[in-house]
Amino acid sequence: MDFNTFINKAWADHATDARAVALRLREGMVLATDESRVAQLANLAHHVQGEHLGEWRAGIVFIERLATLPAFVSDGSSGLAQRRCLASLALCESEGADLGALSASDRIRVGAMAAANLSQRDTGRAIRLFQDALDRADKAGLPAADPMNRALAVAGNNLACTLEEKTARSADERELMILAAQTSRRCWERAGTWLEIERAEYRLAMTWLRAGDPARARSHAQACLEIVDANEGAALERLFGWEALGLVERAAGDKTGHAQALTRAREAFAALDQSDKTGCAATLDRLAV
């Protein structure tokens, strides 16, 4: 197996079997023969051991071992990725972790990474860390091209997704879910393309729906579809836009609106290639219920 096959399979499998992916991480060390691959492996290990398994110490031990690889460069991209991942896991392990050696941009990124890791385990700390990262970003005055904007956008999306999936949310969890989705939309405006912005509108629609506010959810679902139409977006993007609007109309009790959205979602589904149809069939089924 080559590295690309290994890393792609790990990302494909991690959401449903994080433990198995964690056990396979050592295999990746043999395959990480250049610096970019070492950095990718560090990020995978951080995500699996941190956000999915909550095993801070095991993640730290593995990521520290990456420094023994011939392709690891302490002052290169692999070293920077390693330090961010280690700092994030250390911050999860102890709120007093020292981040002083990191740049302003990296401190923001690490805070967002740690908040995502803690979202299901310590929501109060996750809120504090994420808000601190946002406060640092506001004060830092970094340019739109700085990677911290993309990091905040990704972390915000992941946080919102995680909290949307809960069957019940505390007031703190609802607050964090909304803040995270709004942050993702704002940061993609700076760091992304129309595609990321459109998907951030979808995320906001789903977040407000889970938060119990169909009116706000509807406005974001409509914004999502407007962006897709303005950019002649692919059928896959149209499908999810209509899914969001259909779910909103169903929650609001609008049977006509739901039926119209379902019809348009079916039209978008019919235009997908077979691989996307296989992956999206469940989405259409949920909307049709």
Foldseek 3Di string as FASTA:
>chain_A
DALVVLLVVLVVCCVPCLPVSLVCLVVQLVRQQALVSLLSSLVSLLCSCQQPVNPLVSSLVVLVCSCVRPRHDCPDNNVLSSVLSNQLSVCLVPVPRDPPVDDLLSQLLSLLSNLSSCLVPCLVSSVVSNVVSVVSVVPVPDALQRCSLVSLLVSLLSLLVVLLPDPDDDPSSLVSNQVSLVSNLVSCVSHHDLVSNLVSLLSNLSSVVSVPHLVRSQVSLVVSCVSCVVVVHALVSLLSSLLSQLVSCVSVVNPVSNVVSLVSNVVSLVRDPPVVVVVCVVSSVVSVD
